[in-house]
Amino acid sequence: MAAKKRDLLILIPDGTGIKNYLMSDFIKKASTQFNLTLAHNFTNEIASEIAVNPEEYNKVNIPPYNEPIKLKFYREAIANARLHYNAR
């Protein structure tokens, strides 16, 4: 008797997640061991690039994240300050 696959939820919130997980063989390998659910808001064109057949995973749409300009400014300033501080 084959072992039952466990469930695995993978949250793909942005382009970095798409590049690091979906465009690699990670999803294909994980689909052999887990019942996959991908939570994302990417387009159908990107979905067609995934290394796994759409029938092999469940899809959960998440709302798009729109970062306010002020918050983006502070986030980028903090990142720049860390780079400058740690460059010493």
C-alpha atoms as a PDB file:
ATOM      1  CA  MET A   1       0.000   0.000   0.000  1.00  0.00           C
ATOM      2  CA  ALA A   2       1.416   3.367  -1.004  1.00  0.00           C
ATOM      3  CA  ALA A   3       1.939   5.997   1.661  1.00  0.00           C
ATOM      4  CA  LYS A   4      -0.567   8.835   1.622  1.00  0.00           C
ATOM      5  CA  LYS A   5       0.866  12.174   0.472  1.00  0.00           C
ATOM      6  CA  ARG A   6       0.822  15.020   2.958  1.00  0.00           C
ATOM      7  CA  ASP A   7      -0.439  18.490   2.034  1.00  0.00           C
ATOM      8  CA  LEU A   8       1.949  21.368   1.389  1.00  0.00           C
ATOM      9  CA  LEU A   9       0.955  25.018   0.924  1.00  0.00           C
ATOM     10  CA  ILE A  10       3.467  27.217  -0.895  1.00  0.00           C
ATOM     11  CA  LEU A  11       2.929  30.985  -0.800  1.00  0.00           C
ATOM     12  CA  ILE A  12       4.369  32.745  -3.864  1.00  0.00           C
ATOM     13  CA  PRO A  13       3.854  36.468  -3.151  1.00  0.00           C
ATOM     14  CA  ASP A  14       6.169  38.052  -5.730  1.00  0.00           C
ATOM     15  CA  GLY A  15       8.563  37.692  -8.647  1.00  0.00           C
ATOM     16  CA  THR A  16      11.398  36.461  -6.456  1.00  0.00           C
ATOM     17  CA  GLY A  17       9.296  33.521  -5.321  1.00  0.00           C
ATOM     18  CA  ILE A  18       8.377  32.771  -8.909  1.00  0.00           C
ATOM     19  CA  LYS A  19      12.004  32.807  -9.977  1.00  0.00           C
ATOM     20  CA  ASN A  20      13.319  30.806  -7.006  1.00  0.00           C
ATOM     21  CA  TYR A  21      10.616  28.156  -6.792  1.00  0.00           C
ATOM     22  CA  LEU A  22       8.396  27.980  -9.838  1.00  0.00           C
ATOM     23  CA  MET A  23      11.062  28.270 -12.511  1.00  0.00           C
ATOM     24  CA  SER A  24      13.240  25.632 -10.837  1.00  0.00           C
ATOM     25  CA  ASP A  25      12.568  21.933 -10.397  1.00  0.00           C
ATOM     26  CA  PHE A  26      11.513  22.470  -6.753  1.00  0.00           C
ATOM     27  CA  ILE A  27       7.784  22.264  -7.529  1.00  0.00           C
ATOM     28  CA  LYS A  28       8.194  19.208  -9.728  1.00  0.00           C
ATOM     29  CA  LYS A  29      10.151  17.368  -7.017  1.00  0.00           C
ATOM     30  CA  ALA A  30       7.753  18.472  -4.267  1.00  0.00           C
ATOM     31  CA  SER A  31       4.737  17.299  -6.265  1.00  0.00           C
ATOM     32  CA  THR A  32       6.043  13.724  -6.102  1.00  0.00           C
ATOM     33  CA  GLN A  33       5.961  13.780  -2.293  1.00  0.00           C
ATOM     34  CA  PHE A  34       3.148  16.226  -1.444  1.00  0.00           C
ATOM     35  CA  ASN A  35      -0.317  17.331  -2.481  1.00  0.00           C
ATOM     36  CA  LEU A  36       0.560  20.876  -3.486  1.00  0.00           C
ATOM     37  CA  THR A  37      -1.442  24.048  -3.057  1.00  0.00           C
ATOM     38  CA  LEU A  38       0.083  27.197  -4.574  1.00  0.00           C
ATOM     39  CA  ALA A  39      -1.148  30.522  -3.211  1.00  0.00           C
ATOM     40  CA  HIS A  40      -0.368  33.305  -5.673  1.00  0.00           C
ATOM     41  CA  ASN A  41      -1.690  36.016  -7.956  1.00  0.00           C
ATOM     42  CA  PHE A  42       0.411  35.444 -11.057  1.00  0.00           C
ATOM     43  CA  THR A  43      -0.991  35.411 -14.578  1.00  0.00           C
ATOM     44  CA  ASN A  44      -1.963  32.406 -16.688  1.00  0.00           C
ATOM     45  CA  GLU A  45       1.111  33.025 -18.858  1.00  0.00           C
ATOM     46  CA  ILE A  46       3.376  32.531 -15.850  1.00  0.00           C
ATOM     47  CA  ALA A  47       1.320  29.539 -14.719  1.00  0.00           C
ATOM     48  CA  SER A  48       2.049  27.892 -18.064  1.00  0.00           C
ATOM     49  CA  GLU A  49       5.807  28.226 -17.371  1.00  0.00           C
ATOM     50  CA  ILE A  50       5.652  26.181 -14.155  1.00  0.00           C
ATOM     51  CA  ALA A  51       7.366  22.815 -14.401  1.00  0.00           C
ATOM     52  CA  VAL A  52       4.274  21.038 -13.039  1.00  0.00           C
ATOM     53  CA  ASN A  53       1.054  20.315 -14.875  1.00  0.00           C
ATOM     54  CA  PRO A  54      -1.819  22.506 -13.506  1.00  0.00           C
ATOM     55  CA  GLU A  55      -3.805  19.365 -12.665  1.00  0.00           C
ATOM     56  CA  GLU A  56      -1.065  18.361 -10.208  1.00  0.00           C
ATOM     57  CA  TYR A  57      -1.612  21.249  -7.788  1.00  0.00           C
ATOM     58  CA  ASN A  58      -4.431  23.263  -6.243  1.00  0.00           C
ATOM     59  CA  LYS A  59      -4.518  26.998  -6.844  1.00  0.00           C
ATOM     60  CA  VAL A  60      -5.458  29.685  -4.303  1.00  0.00           C
ATOM     61  CA  ASN A  61      -5.541  33.277  -5.510  1.00  0.00           C
ATOM     62  CA  ILE A  62      -4.216  35.927  -3.149  1.00  0.00           C
ATOM     63  CA  PRO A  63      -4.967  39.631  -3.622  1.00  0.00           C
ATOM     64  CA  PRO A  64      -2.222  41.700  -5.269  1.00  0.00           C
ATOM     65  CA  TYR A  65      -0.061  43.718  -2.914  1.00  0.00           C
ATOM     66  CA  ASN A  66       0.181  47.399  -3.705  1.00  0.00           C
ATOM     67  CA  GLU A  67       2.863  48.985  -1.563  1.00  0.00           C
ATOM     68  CA  PRO A  68       2.255  52.659  -0.748  1.00  0.00           C
ATOM     69  CA  ILE A  69       5.051  54.911  -2.062  1.00  0.00           C
ATOM     70  CA  LYS A  70       5.921  56.171   1.430  1.00  0.00           C
ATOM     71  CA  LEU A  71       6.328  52.631   2.750  1.00  0.00           C
ATOM     72  CA  LYS A  72       8.436  51.651  -0.254  1.00  0.00           C
ATOM     73  CA  PHE A  73      10.670  54.689   0.335  1.00  0.00           C
ATOM     74  CA  TYR A  74      11.247  53.717   3.993  1.00  0.00           C
ATOM     75  CA  ARG A  75      11.866  50.055   3.103  1.00  0.00           C
ATOM     76  CA  GLU A  76      14.421  51.008   0.437  1.00  0.00           C
ATOM     77  CA  ALA A  77      16.079  53.564   2.761  1.00  0.00           C
ATOM     78  CA  ILE A  78      16.455  50.930   5.477  1.00  0.00           C
ATOM     79  CA  ALA A  79      17.959  48.450   3.004  1.00  0.00           C
ATOM     80  CA  ASN A  80      20.370  51.097   1.729  1.00  0.00           C
ATOM     81  CA  ALA A  81      21.368  52.055   5.279  1.00  0.00           C
ATOM     82  CA  ARG A  82      22.077  48.392   6.111  1.00  0.00           C
ATOM     83  CA  LEU A  83      24.237  48.012   3.008  1.00  0.00           C
ATOM     84  CA  HIS A  84      26.139  51.203   3.787  1.00  0.00           C
ATOM     85  CA  TYR A  85      26.615  50.268   7.467  1.00  0.00           C
ATOM     86  CA  ASN A  86      27.721  46.692   6.756  1.00  0.00           C
ATOM     87  CA  ALA A  87      30.079  47.673   3.927  1.00  0.00           C
ATOM     88  CA  ARG A  88      32.671  48.778   6.482  1.00  0.00           C
END
